[in-house]
């Protein structure tokens, strides 16, 4: 079993459930080396003492909080724990809310919770209670010295903890130039809306995450292989100059015609899902986070 990021307990009322926190993300990304473009030598980074200029080993580095100019108080992991023992060791459930009431912009990073010690039965009790009531638990927990708001949701046989953003961490839209509300004020015609609705209905299917692939990763690797094949490993590729007249205007001349063409294109392509979803009544569409009724099929790792 992978090493847990955090160990503690879920707490609600007088109930404590020993759990371990494990990452749920498996992001695919490239690792690049930073090079000096003059001779393509690797660029290194040094941790150094700003007073002496000498390099400092990791084992000699401690955390310090600057409380006055160039005056610090040193803090260790034990200090972070002592600041609030309960907060650092407990996923403290504050409330239970309907599963579809948390807007998507609040969700951040997912983690799996596994029962620890003798917590199997009470873990299952919380899981099945959330499933039956179609609720999510809203809690607070300290992970790596930062207190997070979090949602506990059911994912098959597992409980998943998804960190949430606090309300003051979301920026307001007041500084953005957004279209006016309403069709007339925004310059949109009912005909264009009807065509757009038909296009949405034509592209609607059941959620199937396996249908979406990270194609850019393979495309970039193909570009790497191409440069190797052509012997261009040491050449810095300059950006292409945009051909005159190829830049598309931000103004759409005939939006209705583009929508009609999109409808024809959509019908000729194979849908992502085998079964279609009935069109949602206008004005009643919503994004729901609903605890799963059963465990999903295991996905093959890429």
C-alpha atoms as a PDB file:
ATOM      1  CA  UNK A   1       0.000   0.000   0.000  1.00  0.00           C
ATOM      2  CA  UNK A   2       1.211   3.514  -0.820  1.00  0.00           C
ATOM      3  CA  UNK A   3       2.418   5.643   2.051  1.00  0.00           C
ATOM      4  CA  UNK A   4      -0.316   7.829   3.565  1.00  0.00           C
ATOM      5  CA  UNK A   5      -0.002  11.613   3.296  1.00  0.00           C
ATOM      6  CA  UNK A   6      -1.773  12.119   6.612  1.00  0.00           C
ATOM      7  CA  UNK A   7      -3.118   9.993   9.458  1.00  0.00           C
ATOM      8  CA  UNK A   8      -5.810  11.015  11.892  1.00  0.00           C
ATOM      9  CA  UNK A   9      -9.537  10.594  12.419  1.00  0.00           C
ATOM     10  CA  UNK A  10     -12.879  11.767  11.078  1.00  0.00           C
ATOM     11  CA  UNK A  11     -14.866  13.327  13.881  1.00  0.00           C
ATOM     12  CA  UNK A  12     -18.578  14.066  14.049  1.00  0.00           C
ATOM     13  CA  UNK A  13     -20.508  14.224  17.300  1.00  0.00           C
ATOM     14  CA  UNK A  14     -18.837  11.721  19.620  1.00  0.00           C
ATOM     15  CA  UNK A  15     -17.889   9.413  16.750  1.00  0.00           C
ATOM     16  CA  UNK A  16     -14.211   9.071  15.731  1.00  0.00           C
ATOM     17  CA  UNK A  17     -13.160   7.145  12.631  1.00  0.00           C
ATOM     18  CA  UNK A  18      -9.408   6.480  12.282  1.00  0.00           C
ATOM     19  CA  UNK A  19      -8.414   7.145   8.657  1.00  0.00           C
ATOM     20  CA  UNK A  20      -5.456   7.600   6.338  1.00  0.00           C
ATOM     21  CA  UNK A  21      -5.323  10.179   3.542  1.00  0.00           C
ATOM     22  CA  UNK A  22      -4.047   9.089   0.114  1.00  0.00           C
ATOM     23  CA  UNK A  23      -3.742  11.125  -3.112  1.00  0.00           C
ATOM     24  CA  UNK A  24      -6.420  10.417  -5.722  1.00  0.00           C
ATOM     25  CA  UNK A  25      -4.755  12.339  -8.567  1.00  0.00           C
ATOM     26  CA  UNK A  26      -2.296  10.761 -10.991  1.00  0.00           C
ATOM     27  CA  UNK A  27      -1.374  13.681 -13.198  1.00  0.00           C
ATOM     28  CA  UNK A  28       0.538  13.052 -16.410  1.00  0.00           C
ATOM     29  CA  UNK A  29       3.180  15.682 -17.048  1.00  0.00           C
ATOM     30  CA  UNK A  30       6.620  16.140 -18.546  1.00  0.00           C
ATOM     31  CA  UNK A  31       9.757  16.714 -16.534  1.00  0.00           C
ATOM     32  CA  UNK A  32      12.057  19.143 -18.292  1.00  0.00           C
ATOM     33  CA  UNK A  33      15.647  20.099 -17.542  1.00  0.00           C
ATOM     34  CA  UNK A  34      16.482  23.800 -17.559  1.00  0.00           C
ATOM     35  CA  UNK A  35      19.386  24.474 -19.964  1.00  0.00           C
ATOM     36  CA  UNK A  36      21.670  27.420 -20.675  1.00  0.00           C
ATOM     37  CA  UNK A  37      20.835  28.167 -24.332  1.00  0.00           C
ATOM     38  CA  UNK A  38      24.412  29.300 -25.011  1.00  0.00           C
ATOM     39  CA  UNK A  39      25.904  25.795 -24.607  1.00  0.00           C
ATOM     40  CA  UNK A  40      22.898  23.643 -23.532  1.00  0.00           C
ATOM     41  CA  UNK A  41      24.488  22.899 -20.151  1.00  0.00           C
ATOM     42  CA  UNK A  42      22.042  21.985 -17.339  1.00  0.00           C
ATOM     43  CA  UNK A  43      21.161  24.871 -15.024  1.00  0.00           C
ATOM     44  CA  UNK A  44      21.346  24.061 -11.324  1.00  0.00           C
ATOM     45  CA  UNK A  45      19.701  25.691  -8.340  1.00  0.00           C
ATOM     46  CA  UNK A  46      21.519  26.215  -5.080  1.00  0.00           C
ATOM     47  CA  UNK A  47      20.196  26.788  -1.568  1.00  0.00           C
ATOM     48  CA  UNK A  48      22.650  29.240  -0.112  1.00  0.00           C
ATOM     49  CA  UNK A  49      23.140  31.326   3.005  1.00  0.00           C
ATOM     50  CA  UNK A  50      22.444  34.938   1.997  1.00  0.00           C
ATOM     51  CA  UNK A  51      24.839  36.201   4.650  1.00  0.00           C
ATOM     52  CA  UNK A  52      27.854  34.004   3.843  1.00  0.00           C
ATOM     53  CA  UNK A  53      27.042  32.937   0.277  1.00  0.00           C
ATOM     54  CA  UNK A  54      27.782  29.298   1.156  1.00  0.00           C
ATOM     55  CA  UNK A  55      25.531  26.418   0.060  1.00  0.00           C
ATOM     56  CA  UNK A  56      23.187  24.979   2.729  1.00  0.00           C
ATOM     57  CA  UNK A  57      22.270  21.278   2.980  1.00  0.00           C
ATOM     58  CA  UNK A  58      18.590  20.293   3.301  1.00  0.00           C
ATOM     59  CA  UNK A  59      19.242  18.894   6.791  1.00  0.00           C
ATOM     60  CA  UNK A  60      20.345  22.324   8.008  1.00  0.00           C
ATOM     61  CA  UNK A  61      17.244  24.182   6.789  1.00  0.00           C
ATOM     62  CA  UNK A  62      14.440  25.100   9.212  1.00  0.00           C
ATOM     63  CA  UNK A  63      11.273  27.171   8.818  1.00  0.00           C
ATOM     64  CA  UNK A  64      11.266  30.692  10.237  1.00  0.00           C
ATOM     65  CA  UNK A  65       8.565  33.351  10.583  1.00  0.00           C
ATOM     66  CA  UNK A  66       9.794  36.959  10.255  1.00  0.00           C
ATOM     67  CA  UNK A  67       8.025  38.839  13.076  1.00  0.00           C
ATOM     68  CA  UNK A  68      10.219  41.927  12.738  1.00  0.00           C
ATOM     69  CA  UNK A  69      12.679  43.105  10.081  1.00  0.00           C
ATOM     70  CA  UNK A  70      15.349  40.349   9.884  1.00  0.00           C
ATOM     71  CA  UNK A  71      14.136  38.801  13.164  1.00  0.00           C
ATOM     72  CA  UNK A  72      12.683  35.294  13.011  1.00  0.00           C
ATOM     73  CA  UNK A  73      10.971  32.764  15.231  1.00  0.00           C
ATOM     74  CA  UNK A  74      11.920  29.189  14.283  1.00  0.00           C
ATOM     75  CA  UNK A  75       9.057  26.692  13.873  1.00  0.00           C
ATOM     76  CA  UNK A  76       9.337  22.898  13.698  1.00  0.00           C
ATOM     77  CA  UNK A  77       6.732  20.282  12.769  1.00  0.00           C
ATOM     78  CA  UNK A  78       6.035  19.905  16.488  1.00  0.00           C
ATOM     79  CA  UNK A  79       5.193  23.625  16.731  1.00  0.00           C
ATOM     80  CA  UNK A  80       2.682  23.270  13.909  1.00  0.00           C
ATOM     81  CA  UNK A  81       1.130  20.314  15.735  1.00  0.00           C
ATOM     82  CA  UNK A  82       1.003  22.072  19.118  1.00  0.00           C
ATOM     83  CA  UNK A  83      -0.667  25.146  17.612  1.00  0.00           C
ATOM     84  CA  UNK A  84      -3.882  23.095  17.442  1.00  0.00           C
ATOM     85  CA  UNK A  85      -3.541  19.382  18.110  1.00  0.00           C
ATOM     86  CA  UNK A  86      -7.167  18.627  17.217  1.00  0.00           C
ATOM     87  CA  UNK A  87      -7.009  20.496  13.901  1.00  0.00           C
ATOM     88  CA  UNK A  88      -3.837  18.685  12.801  1.00  0.00           C
ATOM     89  CA  UNK A  89      -5.130  15.222  13.667  1.00  0.00           C
ATOM     90  CA  UNK A  90      -8.849  15.416  12.915  1.00  0.00           C
ATOM     91  CA  UNK A  91     -11.126  15.797   9.923  1.00  0.00           C
ATOM     92  CA  UNK A  92     -13.710  17.760  11.871  1.00  0.00           C
ATOM     93  CA  UNK A  93     -17.154  17.505  10.255  1.00  0.00           C
ATOM     94  CA  UNK A  94     -19.058  20.769  10.686  1.00  0.00           C
ATOM     95  CA  UNK A  95     -22.227  20.070   8.707  1.00  0.00           C
ATOM     96  CA  UNK A  96     -23.994  17.756   6.269  1.00  0.00           C
ATOM     97  CA  UNK A  97     -25.431  19.343   3.118  1.00  0.00           C
ATOM     98  CA  UNK A  98     -27.360  18.083   0.066  1.00  0.00           C
ATOM     99  CA  UNK A  99     -24.993  16.651  -2.531  1.00  0.00           C
ATOM    100  CA  UNK A 100     -25.960  19.103  -5.286  1.00  0.00           C
ATOM    101  CA  UNK A 101     -25.677  22.350  -3.311  1.00  0.00           C
ATOM    102  CA  UNK A 102     -21.918  22.953  -3.570  1.00  0.00           C
ATOM    103  CA  UNK A 103     -21.109  24.922  -6.762  1.00  0.00           C
ATOM    104  CA  UNK A 104     -18.327  23.402  -8.926  1.00  0.00           C
ATOM    105  CA  UNK A 105     -15.998  26.392  -8.546  1.00  0.00           C
ATOM    106  CA  UNK A 106     -15.449  25.504  -4.878  1.00  0.00           C
ATOM    107  CA  UNK A 107     -13.960  22.052  -5.576  1.00  0.00           C
ATOM    108  CA  UNK A 108     -10.166  21.723  -5.599  1.00  0.00           C
ATOM    109  CA  UNK A 109      -8.083  18.552  -5.023  1.00  0.00           C
ATOM    110  CA  UNK A 110      -9.351  14.968  -4.467  1.00  0.00           C
ATOM    111  CA  UNK A 111      -7.974  12.458  -1.934  1.00  0.00           C
ATOM    112  CA  UNK A 112      -9.010   8.960  -0.877  1.00  0.00           C
ATOM    113  CA  UNK A 113      -9.707   8.123   2.748  1.00  0.00           C
ATOM    114  CA  UNK A 114      -8.927   4.590   3.920  1.00  0.00           C
ATOM    115  CA  UNK A 115      -9.960   3.252   7.326  1.00  0.00           C
ATOM    116  CA  UNK A 116      -7.153   2.863   9.820  1.00  0.00           C
ATOM    117  CA  UNK A 117      -6.793   0.610  12.835  1.00  0.00           C
ATOM    118  CA  UNK A 118     -10.133  -0.897  13.819  1.00  0.00           C
ATOM    119  CA  UNK A 119     -12.187   1.726  11.981  1.00  0.00           C
ATOM    120  CA  UNK A 120     -13.679  -0.535   9.281  1.00  0.00           C
ATOM    121  CA  UNK A 121     -17.204  -0.741  10.693  1.00  0.00           C
ATOM    122  CA  UNK A 122     -17.646   2.911  11.651  1.00  0.00           C
ATOM    123  CA  UNK A 123     -16.077   3.948   8.299  1.00  0.00           C
ATOM    124  CA  UNK A 124     -18.702   1.831   6.515  1.00  0.00           C
ATOM    125  CA  UNK A 125     -21.406   3.328   8.727  1.00  0.00           C
ATOM    126  CA  UNK A 126     -20.535   6.890   7.662  1.00  0.00           C
ATOM    127  CA  UNK A 127     -20.226   5.849   4.012  1.00  0.00           C
ATOM    128  CA  UNK A 128     -23.627   4.148   3.897  1.00  0.00           C
ATOM    129  CA  UNK A 129     -25.263   6.994   5.835  1.00  0.00           C
ATOM    130  CA  UNK A 130     -23.986   9.542   3.316  1.00  0.00           C
ATOM    131  CA  UNK A 131     -25.139   7.303   0.481  1.00  0.00           C
ATOM    132  CA  UNK A 132     -28.634   6.835   1.892  1.00  0.00           C
ATOM    133  CA  UNK A 133     -29.184  10.508   2.778  1.00  0.00           C
ATOM    134  CA  UNK A 134     -27.550  11.771  -0.436  1.00  0.00           C
ATOM    135  CA  UNK A 135     -25.529  14.198   1.646  1.00  0.00           C
ATOM    136  CA  UNK A 136     -21.902  15.259   1.674  1.00  0.00           C
ATOM    137  CA  UNK A 137     -20.067  16.067   4.882  1.00  0.00           C
ATOM    138  CA  UNK A 138     -18.423  19.504   5.070  1.00  0.00           C
ATOM    139  CA  UNK A 139     -15.349  19.460   7.290  1.00  0.00           C
ATOM    140  CA  UNK A 140     -12.123  21.262   8.164  1.00  0.00           C
ATOM    141  CA  UNK A 141      -8.704  19.632   8.275  1.00  0.00           C
ATOM    142  CA  UNK A 142      -5.068  20.759   8.443  1.00  0.00           C
ATOM    143  CA  UNK A 143      -2.880  19.212   5.729  1.00  0.00           C
ATOM    144  CA  UNK A 144       0.785  20.227   5.580  1.00  0.00           C
ATOM    145  CA  UNK A 145       0.386  23.285   7.842  1.00  0.00           C
ATOM    146  CA  UNK A 146      -2.624  24.650   5.899  1.00  0.00           C
ATOM    147  CA  UNK A 147      -6.209  24.419   7.087  1.00  0.00           C
ATOM    148  CA  UNK A 148      -8.576  23.308   4.344  1.00  0.00           C
ATOM    149  CA  UNK A 149     -12.319  23.281   3.973  1.00  0.00           C
ATOM    150  CA  UNK A 150     -13.280  19.882   2.565  1.00  0.00           C
ATOM    151  CA  UNK A 151     -16.177  17.744   1.383  1.00  0.00           C
ATOM    152  CA  UNK A 152     -16.453  14.042   2.216  1.00  0.00           C
ATOM    153  CA  UNK A 153     -18.282  12.185  -0.562  1.00  0.00           C
ATOM    154  CA  UNK A 154     -18.986   8.553  -1.403  1.00  0.00           C
ATOM    155  CA  UNK A 155     -17.078   7.050  -4.339  1.00  0.00           C
ATOM    156  CA  UNK A 156     -18.050   3.409  -4.660  1.00  0.00           C
ATOM    157  CA  UNK A 157     -16.610   1.585  -1.613  1.00  0.00           C
ATOM    158  CA  UNK A 158     -14.420   4.537  -0.685  1.00  0.00           C
ATOM    159  CA  UNK A 159     -14.874   7.827   1.058  1.00  0.00           C
ATOM    160  CA  UNK A 160     -13.275  10.637  -0.890  1.00  0.00           C
ATOM    161  CA  UNK A 161     -12.105  13.909   0.648  1.00  0.00           C
ATOM    162  CA  UNK A 162     -12.154  16.814  -1.808  1.00  0.00           C
ATOM    163  CA  UNK A 163     -10.609  20.054  -0.593  1.00  0.00           C
ATOM    164  CA  UNK A 164     -12.770  23.121  -1.135  1.00  0.00           C
ATOM    165  CA  UNK A 165     -11.941  26.765  -1.651  1.00  0.00           C
ATOM    166  CA  UNK A 166     -13.071  29.213   1.018  1.00  0.00           C
ATOM    167  CA  UNK A 167     -15.523  31.880  -0.163  1.00  0.00           C
ATOM    168  CA  UNK A 168     -12.905  34.650   0.111  1.00  0.00           C
ATOM    169  CA  UNK A 169     -10.515  32.663  -2.129  1.00  0.00           C
ATOM    170  CA  UNK A 170     -12.782  33.114  -5.151  1.00  0.00           C
ATOM    171  CA  UNK A 171     -12.392  36.338  -7.096  1.00  0.00           C
ATOM    172  CA  UNK A 172     -15.395  38.476  -7.980  1.00  0.00           C
ATOM    173  CA  UNK A 173     -16.388  38.998 -11.612  1.00  0.00           C
ATOM    174  CA  UNK A 174     -16.810  42.765 -11.247  1.00  0.00           C
ATOM    175  CA  UNK A 175     -13.494  43.493 -12.997  1.00  0.00           C
ATOM    176  CA  UNK A 176     -14.406  41.402 -16.066  1.00  0.00           C
ATOM    177  CA  UNK A 177     -16.023  42.726 -19.231  1.00  0.00           C
ATOM    178  CA  UNK A 178     -18.986  40.362 -19.562  1.00  0.00           C
ATOM    179  CA  UNK A 179     -21.953  40.415 -21.982  1.00  0.00           C
ATOM    180  CA  UNK A 180     -25.170  41.921 -20.680  1.00  0.00           C
ATOM    181  CA  UNK A 181     -27.819  39.557 -19.321  1.00  0.00           C
ATOM    182  CA  UNK A 182     -30.798  38.784 -21.516  1.00  0.00           C
ATOM    183  CA  UNK A 183     -30.963  37.941 -25.223  1.00  0.00           C
ATOM    184  CA  UNK A 184     -31.817  41.423 -26.491  1.00  0.00           C
ATOM    185  CA  UNK A 185     -29.208  43.208 -24.402  1.00  0.00           C
ATOM    186  CA  UNK A 186     -26.522  40.725 -25.499  1.00  0.00           C
ATOM    187  CA  UNK A 187     -27.526  40.925 -29.165  1.00  0.00           C
ATOM    188  CA  UNK A 188     -28.494  37.245 -29.371  1.00  0.00           C
ATOM    189  CA  UNK A 189     -31.568  36.221 -31.381  1.00  0.00           C
ATOM    190  CA  UNK A 190     -34.090  33.507 -30.385  1.00  0.00           C
ATOM    191  CA  UNK A 191     -33.241  31.719 -33.661  1.00  0.00           C
ATOM    192  CA  UNK A 192     -29.571  31.486 -32.672  1.00  0.00           C
ATOM    193  CA  UNK A 193     -30.542  30.150 -29.238  1.00  0.00           C
ATOM    194  CA  UNK A 194     -32.766  27.465 -30.787  1.00  0.00           C
ATOM    195  CA  UNK A 195     -29.948  26.339 -33.101  1.00  0.00           C
ATOM    196  CA  UNK A 196     -27.494  26.295 -30.188  1.00  0.00           C
ATOM    197  CA  UNK A 197     -29.943  24.210 -28.110  1.00  0.00           C
ATOM    198  CA  UNK A 198     -30.259  21.700 -30.984  1.00  0.00           C
ATOM    199  CA  UNK A 199     -26.451  21.496 -31.181  1.00  0.00           C
ATOM    200  CA  UNK A 200     -26.195  20.896 -27.413  1.00  0.00           C
ATOM    201  CA  UNK A 201     -28.881  18.191 -27.609  1.00  0.00           C
ATOM    202  CA  UNK A 202     -27.074  16.576 -30.560  1.00  0.00           C
ATOM    203  CA  UNK A 203     -23.790  16.424 -28.600  1.00  0.00           C
ATOM    204  CA  UNK A 204     -25.340  15.216 -25.325  1.00  0.00           C
ATOM    205  CA  UNK A 205     -24.419  11.806 -23.925  1.00  0.00           C
ATOM    206  CA  UNK A 206     -23.733  10.056 -20.608  1.00  0.00           C
ATOM    207  CA  UNK A 207     -20.588  11.007 -18.676  1.00  0.00           C
ATOM    208  CA  UNK A 208     -17.823   8.641 -19.752  1.00  0.00           C
ATOM    209  CA  UNK A 209     -14.379   9.819 -18.547  1.00  0.00           C
ATOM    210  CA  UNK A 210     -12.611   6.991 -20.424  1.00  0.00           C
ATOM    211  CA  UNK A 211     -13.697   8.625 -23.695  1.00  0.00           C
ATOM    212  CA  UNK A 212     -11.370  11.585 -23.092  1.00  0.00           C
ATOM    213  CA  UNK A 213      -7.619  11.205 -23.508  1.00  0.00           C
ATOM    214  CA  UNK A 214      -4.633  13.474 -22.920  1.00  0.00           C
ATOM    215  CA  UNK A 215      -3.664  13.721 -26.596  1.00  0.00           C
ATOM    216  CA  UNK A 216      -1.280  16.642 -26.112  1.00  0.00           C
ATOM    217  CA  UNK A 217       1.169  14.409 -24.196  1.00  0.00           C
ATOM    218  CA  UNK A 218       1.529  12.035 -27.183  1.00  0.00           C
ATOM    219  CA  UNK A 219       1.561  14.949 -29.658  1.00  0.00           C
ATOM    220  CA  UNK A 220       4.456  16.596 -27.814  1.00  0.00           C
ATOM    221  CA  UNK A 221       6.360  13.290 -27.683  1.00  0.00           C
ATOM    222  CA  UNK A 222       5.857  12.968 -31.447  1.00  0.00           C
ATOM    223  CA  UNK A 223       7.360  16.443 -31.858  1.00  0.00           C
ATOM    224  CA  UNK A 224      10.328  15.399 -29.685  1.00  0.00           C
ATOM    225  CA  UNK A 225      10.900  12.285 -31.847  1.00  0.00           C
ATOM    226  CA  UNK A 226      10.611  14.394 -35.009  1.00  0.00           C
ATOM    227  CA  UNK A 227      13.335  16.779 -33.822  1.00  0.00           C
ATOM    228  CA  UNK A 228      15.575  13.815 -32.946  1.00  0.00           C
ATOM    229  CA  UNK A 229      14.976  12.195 -36.366  1.00  0.00           C
ATOM    230  CA  UNK A 230      15.807  15.439 -38.192  1.00  0.00           C
ATOM    231  CA  UNK A 231      18.925  16.057 -36.116  1.00  0.00           C
ATOM    232  CA  UNK A 232      17.459  19.251 -34.656  1.00  0.00           C
ATOM    233  CA  UNK A 233      18.106  18.388 -31.015  1.00  0.00           C
ATOM    234  CA  UNK A 234      20.153  21.570 -30.452  1.00  0.00           C
ATOM    235  CA  UNK A 235      18.010  23.934 -32.504  1.00  0.00           C
ATOM    236  CA  UNK A 236      15.630  26.361 -30.800  1.00  0.00           C
ATOM    237  CA  UNK A 237      12.467  26.404 -32.906  1.00  0.00           C
ATOM    238  CA  UNK A 238      11.372  29.944 -33.727  1.00  0.00           C
ATOM    239  CA  UNK A 239       7.644  30.789 -33.760  1.00  0.00           C
ATOM    240  CA  UNK A 240       5.963  30.745 -37.153  1.00  0.00           C
ATOM    241  CA  UNK A 241       4.809  34.021 -38.651  1.00  0.00           C
ATOM    242  CA  UNK A 242       1.058  34.071 -39.067  1.00  0.00           C
ATOM    243  CA  UNK A 243       0.115  34.222 -42.739  1.00  0.00           C
ATOM    244  CA  UNK A 244      -1.659  37.412 -43.706  1.00  0.00           C
ATOM    245  CA  UNK A 245      -5.370  37.040 -43.844  1.00  0.00           C
ATOM    246  CA  UNK A 246      -5.391  33.766 -41.876  1.00  0.00           C
ATOM    247  CA  UNK A 247      -6.114  35.330 -38.497  1.00  0.00           C
ATOM    248  CA  UNK A 248      -9.775  34.832 -37.709  1.00  0.00           C
ATOM    249  CA  UNK A 249     -11.809  37.846 -36.767  1.00  0.00           C
ATOM    250  CA  UNK A 250     -13.305  37.982 -33.280  1.00  0.00           C
ATOM    251  CA  UNK A 251     -16.566  39.117 -34.897  1.00  0.00           C
ATOM    252  CA  UNK A 252     -18.787  36.263 -36.147  1.00  0.00           C
ATOM    253  CA  UNK A 253     -20.428  37.308 -39.428  1.00  0.00           C
ATOM    254  CA  UNK A 254     -23.243  34.755 -39.452  1.00  0.00           C
ATOM    255  CA  UNK A 255     -23.569  32.897 -36.147  1.00  0.00           C
ATOM    256  CA  UNK A 256     -26.716  31.071 -37.236  1.00  0.00           C
ATOM    257  CA  UNK A 257     -24.952  29.633 -40.309  1.00  0.00           C
ATOM    258  CA  UNK A 258     -22.000  28.441 -38.199  1.00  0.00           C
ATOM    259  CA  UNK A 259     -24.430  26.698 -35.847  1.00  0.00           C
ATOM    260  CA  UNK A 260     -26.156  24.980 -38.795  1.00  0.00           C
ATOM    261  CA  UNK A 261     -22.797  23.760 -40.096  1.00  0.00           C
ATOM    262  CA  UNK A 262     -21.896  22.537 -36.610  1.00  0.00           C
ATOM    263  CA  UNK A 263     -25.152  20.574 -36.416  1.00  0.00           C
ATOM    264  CA  UNK A 264     -24.365  18.792 -39.690  1.00  0.00           C
ATOM    265  CA  UNK A 265     -20.824  18.036 -38.520  1.00  0.00           C
ATOM    266  CA  UNK A 266     -22.057  16.729 -35.174  1.00  0.00           C
ATOM    267  CA  UNK A 267     -24.482  14.302 -36.783  1.00  0.00           C
ATOM    268  CA  UNK A 268     -21.789  12.865 -39.051  1.00  0.00           C
ATOM    269  CA  UNK A 269     -19.431  12.069 -36.178  1.00  0.00           C
ATOM    270  CA  UNK A 270     -19.700   9.095 -33.843  1.00  0.00           C
ATOM    271  CA  UNK A 271     -21.049  10.194 -30.421  1.00  0.00           C
ATOM    272  CA  UNK A 272     -18.868   9.766 -27.328  1.00  0.00           C
ATOM    273  CA  UNK A 273     -21.539   7.762 -25.550  1.00  0.00           C
ATOM    274  CA  UNK A 274     -23.569   4.875 -26.941  1.00  0.00           C
ATOM    275  CA  UNK A 275     -26.727   5.998 -25.171  1.00  0.00           C
ATOM    276  CA  UNK A 276     -28.132   9.472 -25.513  1.00  0.00           C
ATOM    277  CA  UNK A 277     -29.488  11.564 -22.664  1.00  0.00           C
ATOM    278  CA  UNK A 278     -32.878  13.171 -22.957  1.00  0.00           C
ATOM    279  CA  UNK A 279     -32.691  16.930 -23.387  1.00  0.00           C
ATOM    280  CA  UNK A 280     -32.983  18.775 -20.084  1.00  0.00           C
ATOM    281  CA  UNK A 281     -35.901  21.197 -19.683  1.00  0.00           C
ATOM    282  CA  UNK A 282     -34.762  24.720 -20.338  1.00  0.00           C
ATOM    283  CA  UNK A 283     -33.776  26.648 -17.244  1.00  0.00           C
ATOM    284  CA  UNK A 284     -33.571  23.509 -15.102  1.00  0.00           C
ATOM    285  CA  UNK A 285     -30.135  22.177 -15.934  1.00  0.00           C
ATOM    286  CA  UNK A 286     -27.804  21.713 -12.961  1.00  0.00           C
ATOM    287  CA  UNK A 287     -24.518  20.075 -12.083  1.00  0.00           C
ATOM    288  CA  UNK A 288     -25.053  17.472  -9.402  1.00  0.00           C
ATOM    289  CA  UNK A 289     -22.461  15.768  -7.220  1.00  0.00           C
ATOM    290  CA  UNK A 290     -24.263  12.602  -6.194  1.00  0.00           C
ATOM    291  CA  UNK A 291     -22.760   9.805  -4.099  1.00  0.00           C
ATOM    292  CA  UNK A 292     -22.238   6.766  -6.298  1.00  0.00           C
ATOM    293  CA  UNK A 293     -24.606   3.837  -5.949  1.00  0.00           C
ATOM    294  CA  UNK A 294     -21.921   1.276  -6.724  1.00  0.00           C
ATOM    295  CA  UNK A 295     -18.201   1.036  -7.351  1.00  0.00           C
ATOM    296  CA  UNK A 296     -17.131   2.006 -10.879  1.00  0.00           C
ATOM    297  CA  UNK A 297     -15.238  -0.429 -13.091  1.00  0.00           C
ATOM    298  CA  UNK A 298     -11.468  -0.337 -12.620  1.00  0.00           C
ATOM    299  CA  UNK A 299      -9.636   1.733 -15.190  1.00  0.00           C
ATOM    300  CA  UNK A 300      -6.499   0.475 -16.864  1.00  0.00           C
ATOM    301  CA  UNK A 301      -3.500   2.642 -16.129  1.00  0.00           C
ATOM    302  CA  UNK A 302      -1.929   4.271 -19.129  1.00  0.00           C
END
